Protein backbone atom coordinates (compact mmCIF):
# COMPACT_ATOMS: atom_id res chain seq x y z
CA MET A 1 85.07 116.03 109.50
CA GLU A 2 88.75 115.99 110.34
CA THR A 3 90.81 118.77 108.87
CA SER A 4 94.26 118.68 110.26
CA LYS A 5 97.86 119.34 109.50
CA THR A 6 98.25 115.54 109.56
CA ILE A 7 96.77 115.44 106.05
CA THR A 8 99.57 116.03 103.55
CA VAL A 9 98.61 117.26 100.09
CA VAL A 10 100.90 117.81 97.13
CA TYR A 11 99.51 120.34 94.67
CA VAL A 12 101.16 120.37 91.23
CA ASP A 13 100.74 123.17 88.71
CA ASP A 14 103.13 124.92 86.34
CA GLU A 15 101.44 128.28 87.01
CA VAL A 16 103.05 129.96 90.04
CA HIS A 17 99.99 132.04 90.91
CA ASN A 18 97.89 128.83 91.15
CA LEU A 19 100.49 127.28 93.49
CA ASN A 20 100.52 130.38 95.69
CA SER A 21 96.73 130.61 95.73
CA PHE A 22 96.30 126.94 96.68
CA LYS A 23 98.87 127.14 99.46
CA ALA A 24 97.41 130.39 100.83
CA THR A 25 93.91 128.95 100.83
CA PHE A 26 94.61 125.58 102.47
CA ARG A 27 97.84 125.93 104.49
CA LYS A 28 96.01 126.46 107.80
CA GLU A 29 93.98 123.26 107.37
CA PHE A 30 96.39 120.88 105.70
CA ASN A 31 100.10 120.26 105.28
CA VAL A 32 100.34 121.67 101.75
CA LEU A 33 103.39 121.00 99.61
CA THR A 34 103.52 122.59 96.17
CA ALA A 35 105.42 121.64 93.04
CA GLY A 36 105.83 123.51 89.77
CA SER A 37 106.56 120.35 87.77
CA ALA A 38 106.08 116.60 87.77
CA ALA A 39 109.77 116.06 88.59
CA GLU A 40 109.53 118.39 91.58
CA ALA A 41 106.37 116.62 92.79
CA LEU A 42 108.05 113.20 92.62
CA GLU A 43 111.05 114.54 94.53
CA ILE A 44 108.74 115.90 97.24
CA MET A 45 106.94 112.56 97.44
CA LYS A 46 110.25 110.74 97.79
CA GLU A 47 111.04 112.81 100.89
CA ASN A 48 107.58 113.17 102.51
CA PRO A 49 104.68 110.88 103.34
CA VAL A 50 101.77 112.10 101.21
CA HIS A 51 98.05 111.28 101.41
CA ILE A 52 96.79 112.97 98.27
CA ILE A 53 98.18 114.51 95.10
CA ILE A 54 96.24 117.07 93.10
CA THR A 55 97.68 117.93 89.70
CA ASP A 56 96.84 120.07 86.74
CA GLN A 57 96.38 118.10 83.50
CA ARG A 58 98.14 120.48 81.14
CA MET A 59 101.79 120.97 82.04
CA PRO A 60 104.87 121.49 79.83
CA GLU A 61 106.89 118.29 80.43
CA ILE A 62 104.22 115.66 80.97
CA THR A 63 100.47 115.66 81.45
CA GLY A 64 98.78 115.30 84.80
CA VAL A 65 97.53 111.84 83.76
CA ASP A 66 101.10 110.78 82.99
CA LEU A 67 102.26 112.07 86.38
CA LEU A 68 99.45 110.23 88.16
CA THR A 69 100.38 107.04 86.31
CA ILE A 70 103.90 107.32 87.72
CA VAL A 71 102.49 108.07 91.19
CA LEU A 72 100.25 104.99 90.93
CA GLU A 73 103.30 102.82 90.21
CA LYS A 74 105.57 104.32 92.88
CA TYR A 75 103.03 105.29 95.56
CA PRO A 76 99.86 103.22 95.02
CA ASP A 77 98.26 104.30 98.30
CA VAL A 78 98.35 108.01 97.48
CA LEU A 79 94.96 109.20 96.28
CA ARG A 80 95.13 110.92 92.92
CA VAL A 81 93.08 113.91 91.77
CA LEU A 82 93.26 115.52 88.33
CA LEU A 83 92.39 119.15 87.60
CA THR A 84 91.33 119.95 84.07
CA GLY A 85 90.79 123.40 82.66
CA PHE A 86 89.63 122.19 79.26
CA THR A 87 88.01 119.20 77.66
CA GLU A 88 90.25 116.19 77.14
CA LEU A 89 87.52 113.69 77.79
CA THR A 90 89.18 110.71 76.12
CA ALA A 91 92.42 110.92 78.14
CA VAL A 92 90.58 111.66 81.37
CA ALA A 93 87.99 108.89 80.87
CA GLU A 94 90.75 106.40 80.11
CA ALA A 95 92.73 107.47 83.19
CA LEU A 96 89.64 107.15 85.39
CA SER A 97 88.85 103.69 84.01
CA LYS A 98 92.43 102.45 84.53
CA GLY A 99 92.48 103.66 88.13
CA GLN A 100 95.20 106.20 87.45
CA VAL A 101 92.91 108.97 88.67
CA HIS A 102 90.49 108.71 91.60
CA TYR A 103 88.68 111.96 90.99
CA ARG A 104 88.55 114.74 88.41
CA MET A 105 87.74 118.39 89.07
CA GLU A 106 87.48 121.29 86.69
CA LYS A 107 89.48 124.48 86.85
CA PRO A 108 89.06 126.96 88.27
CA TRP A 109 88.85 124.81 91.39
CA ASP A 110 86.17 125.34 93.96
CA GLU A 111 87.51 125.85 97.48
CA GLU A 112 84.78 123.83 99.22
CA GLN A 113 84.97 121.01 96.67
CA ILE A 114 88.74 120.73 97.20
CA ARG A 115 88.19 120.63 100.95
CA VAL A 116 85.61 117.84 100.63
CA VAL A 117 87.83 115.83 98.25
CA ILE A 118 90.88 116.11 100.52
CA ASN A 119 88.93 115.06 103.60
CA ALA A 120 87.22 112.20 101.75
CA ALA A 121 90.57 110.96 100.46
CA TYR A 122 92.00 111.09 103.97
CA GLN A 123 89.02 109.13 105.32
CA ILE A 124 89.66 106.44 102.71
CA SER A 125 93.33 106.31 103.76
CA LEU A 126 92.25 105.82 107.37
CA LEU A 127 89.76 103.12 106.35
CA ARG A 128 92.50 101.27 104.52
CA VAL A 129 94.82 101.38 107.52
CA ASN A 130 92.14 100.52 110.08
CA SER A 131 90.58 97.70 108.07
CA GLY A 132 93.89 96.17 107.08
CA GLN A 133 92.73 96.11 103.46
CA ASP A 134 95.03 97.11 100.70
CA ARG A 135 94.57 98.12 97.09
CA GLU A 136 91.63 95.73 96.61
CA ILE A 137 89.35 98.43 97.98
CA ASP A 138 87.45 100.13 95.19
CA VAL A 139 88.80 103.56 96.07
CA ALA A 140 87.00 105.41 93.31
CA SER A 141 83.61 104.10 94.45
CA GLU A 142 84.36 104.92 98.08
CA LEU A 143 85.52 108.41 97.21
CA GLU A 144 82.41 109.05 95.11
CA PHE A 145 80.19 107.78 97.94
CA ILE A 146 81.87 109.97 100.57
CA LEU A 147 81.82 112.99 98.28
CA ARG A 148 78.11 112.55 97.57
CA GLN A 149 77.36 112.26 101.28
CA ASN A 150 79.33 115.42 102.01
CA LEU A 151 77.65 117.34 99.20
CA LEU A 152 74.20 116.30 100.46
CA SER A 153 74.82 117.33 104.05
């Protein structure tokens, strides 16, 4: 599986130690950009091509779901992952059903699971480009399929 600095990930969390930990863990494999707020994440995305955004659900200004809704509107091709450290099943289920979120992971995040999700999301981006298809692709189904295959191997 391709892990390369060509994959750009924005990780959003209001807890500085989580930002530092994520960057330290994945900076050698991916182009990791971190943001301490939704506003900072959107500014980063305005200035950089991004393949995937991973955001915490619970943040001071707006929730992760709200951020991913904005990302969906402004950057529909960016794959969106939500991290939850608690149970907000209604909001998360609604976000998943509306396509605002492609994948949900629980905190604390698992290093290998993050790696698999990032690579699967990048593969979907490549499939979109290579096949000439656009948003009609059922991204959530493709991501689930790729993730299952990676977890089985």
